[in-house]
Amino acid sequence: QVQLMESGGGLVQPGGSLRLSCAASGSLSSFYAMGWYRQAPGKQRESVAAITRGGITSYKDPVKGRFIISRDKANNTVYLQMNSLKPEDTAVYYCSTLWGYDRPQFWGQGTQVTVSS
């Protein structure tokens, strides 16, 4: 069992930035990839970004050019830098381990991001 702990969410104005962190209890190299997902009220959970064991990153269209996923392998931590935030980015953001492309396995508890003026 892997423990994932997200942090860094909060309230931010449109156009602002936030950085989310996800601390894992095990080595990131144990997993095919790490990913960030989000779930807005009344909507299904959706993939946002992922970073593979080899460091290859991928992003879904709504966040391309605005969000950056990165990792600190020494500290087993994954980050999501979110820039130029929009109200439609408001959601609970979850960190996950992936066993394949867009195949989440373990989840964190989530962190709320609210973009509002």
N, C-alpha and C. Protein backbone atom coordinates (compact mmCIF):
# COMPACT_ATOMS: atom_id res chain seq x y z
N GLN A 1 0.84 -1.19 0.00
CA GLN A 1 0.00 0.00 0.00
C GLN A 1 0.88 1.25 0.00
N VAL A 2 0.54 2.20 -0.84
CA VAL A 2 1.29 3.45 -0.96
C VAL A 2 0.48 4.57 -0.35
N GLN A 3 1.13 5.41 0.41
CA GLN A 3 0.49 6.59 0.99
C GLN A 3 0.90 7.82 0.18
N LEU A 4 -0.10 8.61 -0.23
CA LEU A 4 0.15 9.83 -0.97
C LEU A 4 -0.49 10.98 -0.21
N MET A 5 0.24 12.07 -0.07
CA MET A 5 -0.28 13.20 0.70
C MET A 5 -0.10 14.48 -0.13
N GLU A 6 -1.23 15.06 -0.55
CA GLU A 6 -1.19 16.30 -1.31
C GLU A 6 -1.22 17.51 -0.38
N SER A 7 -0.66 18.60 -0.85
CA SER A 7 -0.72 19.87 -0.13
C SER A 7 -0.56 21.00 -1.13
N GLY A 8 -0.87 22.22 -0.68
CA GLY A 8 -0.64 23.39 -1.51
C GLY A 8 -1.87 24.01 -2.12
N GLY A 9 -3.03 23.41 -1.92
CA GLY A 9 -4.24 23.99 -2.47
C GLY A 9 -4.65 25.24 -1.72
N GLY A 10 -5.66 25.93 -2.27
CA GLY A 10 -6.15 27.14 -1.63
C GLY A 10 -6.99 27.97 -2.55
N LEU A 11 -7.23 29.20 -2.13
CA LEU A 11 -8.01 30.15 -2.91
C LEU A 11 -7.07 31.11 -3.61
N VAL A 12 -7.27 31.30 -4.92
CA VAL A 12 -6.41 32.17 -5.70
C VAL A 12 -7.27 32.93 -6.70
N GLN A 13 -6.85 34.13 -7.04
CA GLN A 13 -7.59 34.92 -8.02
C GLN A 13 -7.27 34.45 -9.43
N PRO A 14 -8.18 34.69 -10.36
CA PRO A 14 -7.90 34.35 -11.76
C PRO A 14 -6.60 35.00 -12.23
N GLY A 15 -5.80 34.22 -12.95
CA GLY A 15 -4.51 34.69 -13.39
C GLY A 15 -3.38 34.39 -12.43
N GLY A 16 -3.71 33.94 -11.24
CA GLY A 16 -2.71 33.64 -10.23
C GLY A 16 -2.09 32.26 -10.39
N SER A 17 -1.23 31.92 -9.45
CA SER A 17 -0.49 30.66 -9.49
C SER A 17 -0.56 29.94 -8.16
N LEU A 18 -0.45 28.62 -8.23
CA LEU A 18 -0.33 27.77 -7.05
C LEU A 18 0.61 26.63 -7.40
N ARG A 19 1.27 26.09 -6.39
CA ARG A 19 2.06 24.88 -6.59
C ARG A 19 1.58 23.81 -5.63
N LEU A 20 1.13 22.71 -6.20
CA LEU A 20 0.71 21.56 -5.42
C LEU A 20 1.88 20.60 -5.23
N SER A 21 1.89 19.95 -4.08
CA SER A 21 2.91 18.95 -3.80
C SER A 21 2.23 17.63 -3.45
N CYS A 22 2.91 16.55 -3.78
CA CYS A 22 2.43 15.20 -3.45
C CYS A 22 3.60 14.40 -2.92
N ALA A 23 3.56 14.09 -1.63
CA ALA A 23 4.62 13.30 -1.02
C ALA A 23 4.20 11.84 -0.98
N ALA A 24 5.05 10.98 -1.54
CA ALA A 24 4.77 9.55 -1.58
C ALA A 24 5.56 8.82 -0.50
N SER A 25 4.97 7.71 0.00
CA SER A 25 5.64 6.95 1.06
C SER A 25 6.72 6.03 0.50
N GLY A 26 6.71 5.81 -0.82
CA GLY A 26 7.71 4.94 -1.43
C GLY A 26 8.44 5.65 -2.55
N SER A 27 9.40 4.94 -3.12
CA SER A 27 10.19 5.51 -4.20
C SER A 27 9.34 5.72 -5.45
N LEU A 28 9.49 6.90 -6.07
CA LEU A 28 8.75 7.18 -7.30
C LEU A 28 9.15 6.22 -8.42
N SER A 29 10.35 5.69 -8.36
CA SER A 29 10.82 4.78 -9.40
C SER A 29 10.09 3.43 -9.36
N SER A 30 9.31 3.21 -8.29
CA SER A 30 8.56 1.96 -8.18
C SER A 30 7.36 1.94 -9.12
N PHE A 31 6.98 3.09 -9.63
CA PHE A 31 5.74 3.21 -10.40
C PHE A 31 6.01 3.54 -11.85
N TYR A 32 5.14 3.11 -12.72
CA TYR A 32 5.24 3.44 -14.14
C TYR A 32 5.25 4.96 -14.31
N ALA A 33 4.37 5.63 -13.56
CA ALA A 33 4.28 7.09 -13.65
C ALA A 33 3.54 7.62 -12.43
N MET A 34 3.59 8.92 -12.27
CA MET A 34 2.81 9.63 -11.27
C MET A 34 1.92 10.62 -12.00
N GLY A 35 0.72 10.81 -11.48
CA GLY A 35 -0.19 11.70 -12.18
C GLY A 35 -0.96 12.62 -11.25
N TRP A 36 -1.45 13.69 -11.85
CA TRP A 36 -2.37 14.59 -11.16
C TRP A 36 -3.73 14.52 -11.88
N TYR A 37 -4.78 14.42 -11.08
CA TYR A 37 -6.15 14.40 -11.58
C TYR A 37 -6.91 15.50 -10.85
N ARG A 38 -8.08 15.83 -11.37
CA ARG A 38 -8.94 16.79 -10.67
C ARG A 38 -10.39 16.42 -10.87
N GLN A 39 -11.21 16.84 -9.90
CA GLN A 39 -12.64 16.58 -9.97
C GLN A 39 -13.38 17.82 -9.53
N ALA A 40 -14.11 18.40 -10.46
CA ALA A 40 -14.94 19.57 -10.17
C ALA A 40 -16.32 19.09 -9.71
N PRO A 41 -17.05 19.92 -8.98
CA PRO A 41 -18.38 19.53 -8.50
C PRO A 41 -19.29 19.10 -9.65
N GLY A 42 -19.90 17.94 -9.51
CA GLY A 42 -20.82 17.45 -10.52
C GLY A 42 -20.18 16.87 -11.75
N LYS A 43 -18.86 16.77 -11.75
CA LYS A 43 -18.16 16.25 -12.93
C LYS A 43 -17.33 15.03 -12.55
N GLN A 44 -16.95 14.28 -13.59
CA GLN A 44 -16.11 13.11 -13.36
C GLN A 44 -14.66 13.55 -13.11
N ARG A 45 -13.94 12.69 -12.42
CA ARG A 45 -12.52 12.94 -12.22
C ARG A 45 -11.80 12.84 -13.56
N GLU A 46 -10.90 13.78 -13.81
CA GLU A 46 -10.20 13.80 -15.09
C GLU A 46 -8.70 13.94 -14.89
N SER A 47 -7.97 13.38 -15.83
CA SER A 47 -6.52 13.49 -15.80
C SER A 47 -6.10 14.91 -16.14
N VAL A 48 -5.02 15.36 -15.50
CA VAL A 48 -4.48 16.69 -15.76
C VAL A 48 -3.09 16.59 -16.36
N ALA A 49 -2.22 15.85 -15.68
CA ALA A 49 -0.82 15.74 -16.13
C ALA A 49 -0.22 14.48 -15.55
N ALA A 50 0.87 14.02 -16.16
CA ALA A 50 1.56 12.84 -15.68
C ALA A 50 3.05 12.96 -15.98
N ILE A 51 3.84 12.23 -15.20
CA ILE A 51 5.28 12.17 -15.44
C ILE A 51 5.70 10.72 -15.25
N THR A 52 6.37 10.16 -16.26
CA THR A 52 6.74 8.76 -16.21
C THR A 52 7.98 8.53 -15.37
N ARG A 53 8.27 7.26 -15.13
CA ARG A 53 9.48 6.88 -14.41
C ARG A 53 10.71 7.48 -15.10
N GLY A 54 10.67 7.56 -16.41
CA GLY A 54 11.79 8.08 -17.18
C GLY A 54 11.80 9.60 -17.30
N GLY A 55 10.81 10.27 -16.73
CA GLY A 55 10.79 11.72 -16.75
C GLY A 55 10.03 12.35 -17.89
N ILE A 56 9.34 11.54 -18.69
CA ILE A 56 8.54 12.08 -19.79
C ILE A 56 7.23 12.63 -19.23
N THR A 57 6.90 13.87 -19.62
CA THR A 57 5.70 14.52 -19.11
C THR A 57 4.61 14.57 -20.18
N SER A 58 3.38 14.60 -19.74
CA SER A 58 2.25 14.75 -20.64
C SER A 58 1.17 15.58 -19.95
N TYR A 59 0.40 16.30 -20.76
CA TYR A 59 -0.63 17.20 -20.24
C TYR A 59 -1.90 17.07 -21.07
N LYS A 60 -3.03 17.25 -20.39
CA LYS A 60 -4.28 17.31 -21.12
C LYS A 60 -4.46 18.72 -21.68
N ASP A 61 -5.22 18.81 -22.76
CA ASP A 61 -5.34 20.07 -23.49
C ASP A 61 -5.73 21.27 -22.64
N PRO A 62 -6.68 21.15 -21.69
CA PRO A 62 -7.11 22.36 -20.94
C PRO A 62 -6.00 23.03 -20.13
N VAL A 63 -4.91 22.29 -19.85
CA VAL A 63 -3.86 22.86 -19.00
C VAL A 63 -2.53 23.03 -19.71
N LYS A 64 -2.45 22.60 -20.97
CA LYS A 64 -1.20 22.72 -21.71
C LYS A 64 -0.74 24.17 -21.78
N GLY A 65 0.54 24.37 -21.51
CA GLY A 65 1.10 25.71 -21.55
C GLY A 65 0.92 26.50 -20.27
N ARG A 66 0.11 25.97 -19.35
CA ARG A 66 -0.13 26.68 -18.07
C ARG A 66 0.37 25.89 -16.86
N PHE A 67 0.26 24.57 -16.91
CA PHE A 67 0.65 23.72 -15.79
C PHE A 67 1.96 23.00 -16.11
N ILE A 68 2.74 22.76 -15.07
CA ILE A 68 3.99 22.03 -15.22
C ILE A 68 4.09 20.98 -14.12
N ILE A 69 4.28 19.72 -14.53
CA ILE A 69 4.48 18.65 -13.56
C ILE A 69 5.98 18.37 -13.46
N SER A 70 6.42 18.15 -12.23
CA SER A 70 7.83 17.86 -12.00
C SER A 70 7.96 16.94 -10.80
N ARG A 71 9.17 16.52 -10.52
CA ARG A 71 9.36 15.60 -9.40
C ARG A 71 10.71 15.82 -8.74
N ASP A 72 10.80 15.41 -7.50
CA ASP A 72 12.04 15.39 -6.73
C ASP A 72 12.20 13.94 -6.29
N LYS A 73 13.00 13.18 -7.04
CA LYS A 73 13.11 11.76 -6.77
C LYS A 73 13.74 11.50 -5.41
N ALA A 74 14.66 12.34 -4.99
CA ALA A 74 15.34 12.14 -3.70
C ALA A 74 14.36 12.23 -2.54
N ASN A 75 13.32 13.05 -2.70
CA ASN A 75 12.35 13.23 -1.63
C ASN A 75 10.99 12.60 -1.94
N ASN A 76 10.94 11.81 -3.01
CA ASN A 76 9.71 11.09 -3.37
C ASN A 76 8.52 12.04 -3.45
N THR A 77 8.73 13.17 -4.09
CA THR A 77 7.69 14.19 -4.17
C THR A 77 7.44 14.61 -5.61
N VAL A 78 6.17 14.77 -5.94
CA VAL A 78 5.76 15.23 -7.26
C VAL A 78 5.07 16.59 -7.09
N TYR A 79 5.29 17.46 -8.03
CA TYR A 79 4.73 18.81 -7.95
C TYR A 79 3.85 19.10 -9.17
N LEU A 80 2.93 20.02 -8.97
CA LEU A 80 2.15 20.55 -10.09
C LEU A 80 2.15 22.07 -9.94
N GLN A 81 2.92 22.73 -10.80
CA GLN A 81 2.93 24.19 -10.83
C GLN A 81 1.81 24.64 -11.74
N MET A 82 0.90 25.43 -11.20
CA MET A 82 -0.28 25.87 -11.94
C MET A 82 -0.21 27.38 -12.11
N ASN A 83 -0.12 27.82 -13.34
CA ASN A 83 -0.03 29.25 -13.67
C ASN A 83 -1.25 29.69 -14.47
N SER A 84 -1.44 30.98 -14.53
CA SER A 84 -2.55 31.56 -15.30
C SER A 84 -3.87 30.84 -14.99
N LEU A 85 -4.13 30.68 -13.72
CA LEU A 85 -5.31 29.91 -13.30
C LEU A 85 -6.60 30.58 -13.73
N LYS A 86 -7.57 29.72 -14.05
CA LYS A 86 -8.89 30.17 -14.50
C LYS A 86 -9.95 29.63 -13.56
N PRO A 87 -11.11 30.27 -13.50
CA PRO A 87 -12.18 29.74 -12.64
C PRO A 87 -12.53 28.28 -12.95
N GLU A 88 -12.41 27.88 -14.20
CA GLU A 88 -12.73 26.50 -14.56
C GLU A 88 -11.68 25.50 -14.08
N ASP A 89 -10.58 25.97 -13.51
CA ASP A 89 -9.61 25.08 -12.89
C ASP A 89 -10.02 24.71 -11.47
N THR A 90 -11.07 25.31 -10.95
CA THR A 90 -11.54 25.01 -9.61
C THR A 90 -11.95 23.55 -9.51
N ALA A 91 -11.37 22.85 -8.55
CA ALA A 91 -11.62 21.41 -8.39
C ALA A 91 -10.84 20.91 -7.18
N VAL A 92 -11.13 19.69 -6.81
CA VAL A 92 -10.26 18.97 -5.88
C VAL A 92 -9.21 18.27 -6.73
N TYR A 93 -7.95 18.48 -6.40
CA TYR A 93 -6.84 17.90 -7.15
C TYR A 93 -6.28 16.71 -6.38
N TYR A 94 -6.10 15.61 -7.12
CA TYR A 94 -5.62 14.37 -6.54
C TYR A 94 -4.33 13.94 -7.18
N CYS A 95 -3.47 13.39 -6.37
CA CYS A 95 -2.24 12.76 -6.85
C CYS A 95 -2.49 11.26 -6.95
N SER A 96 -1.87 10.61 -7.92
CA SER A 96 -2.04 9.17 -8.05
C SER A 96 -0.77 8.51 -8.56
N THR A 97 -0.65 7.22 -8.26
CA THR A 97 0.36 6.40 -8.92
C THR A 97 -0.31 5.76 -10.14
N LEU A 98 0.44 5.58 -11.19
CA LEU A 98 -0.09 5.01 -12.42
C LEU A 98 0.62 3.70 -12.73
N TRP A 99 -0.16 2.69 -13.14
CA TRP A 99 0.46 1.43 -13.55
C TRP A 99 0.54 1.33 -15.06
N GLY A 100 -0.03 2.28 -15.75
CA GLY A 100 0.01 2.38 -17.20
C GLY A 100 -0.47 3.75 -17.59
N TYR A 101 -0.55 4.02 -18.92
CA TYR A 101 -1.01 5.33 -19.37
C TYR A 101 -2.44 5.58 -18.91
N ASP A 102 -2.62 6.65 -18.12
CA ASP A 102 -3.94 7.01 -17.59
C ASP A 102 -4.59 5.84 -16.85
N ARG A 103 -3.79 5.11 -16.10
CA ARG A 103 -4.27 3.96 -15.32
C ARG A 103 -3.91 4.19 -13.86
N PRO A 104 -4.73 4.95 -13.14
CA PRO A 104 -4.41 5.23 -11.74
C PRO A 104 -4.61 4.01 -10.86
N GLN A 105 -3.82 3.95 -9.81
CA GLN A 105 -3.93 2.83 -8.87
C GLN A 105 -4.19 3.35 -7.46
N PHE A 106 -3.25 4.05 -6.87
CA PHE A 106 -3.42 4.58 -5.52
C PHE A 106 -3.67 6.09 -5.60
N TRP A 107 -4.46 6.58 -4.64
CA TRP A 107 -4.85 7.98 -4.62
C TRP A 107 -4.47 8.64 -3.30
N GLY A 108 -4.23 9.94 -3.37
CA GLY A 108 -4.14 10.74 -2.17
C GLY A 108 -5.52 11.20 -1.75
N GLN A 109 -5.59 12.00 -0.70
CA GLN A 109 -6.88 12.43 -0.17
C GLN A 109 -7.43 13.65 -0.90
N GLY A 110 -6.60 14.31 -1.69
CA GLY A 110 -7.03 15.46 -2.47
C GLY A 110 -6.79 16.78 -1.77
N THR A 111 -6.65 17.83 -2.57
CA THR A 111 -6.50 19.17 -2.04
C THR A 111 -7.35 20.12 -2.89
N GLN A 112 -8.08 21.00 -2.22
CA GLN A 112 -9.03 21.88 -2.91
C GLN A 112 -8.30 23.08 -3.51
N VAL A 113 -8.61 23.34 -4.77
CA VAL A 113 -8.13 24.55 -5.45
C VAL A 113 -9.35 25.34 -5.90
N THR A 114 -9.44 26.57 -5.47
CA THR A 114 -10.54 27.44 -5.85
C THR A 114 -9.99 28.69 -6.51
N VAL A 115 -10.45 28.94 -7.73
CA VAL A 115 -10.01 30.12 -8.47
C VAL A 115 -11.21 31.06 -8.59
N SER A 116 -11.12 32.16 -7.88
CA SER A 116 -12.25 33.08 -7.83
C SER A 116 -11.78 34.47 -7.43
N SER A 117 -12.48 35.47 -7.93
CA SER A 117 -12.17 36.84 -7.54
C SER A 117 -13.06 37.27 -6.39
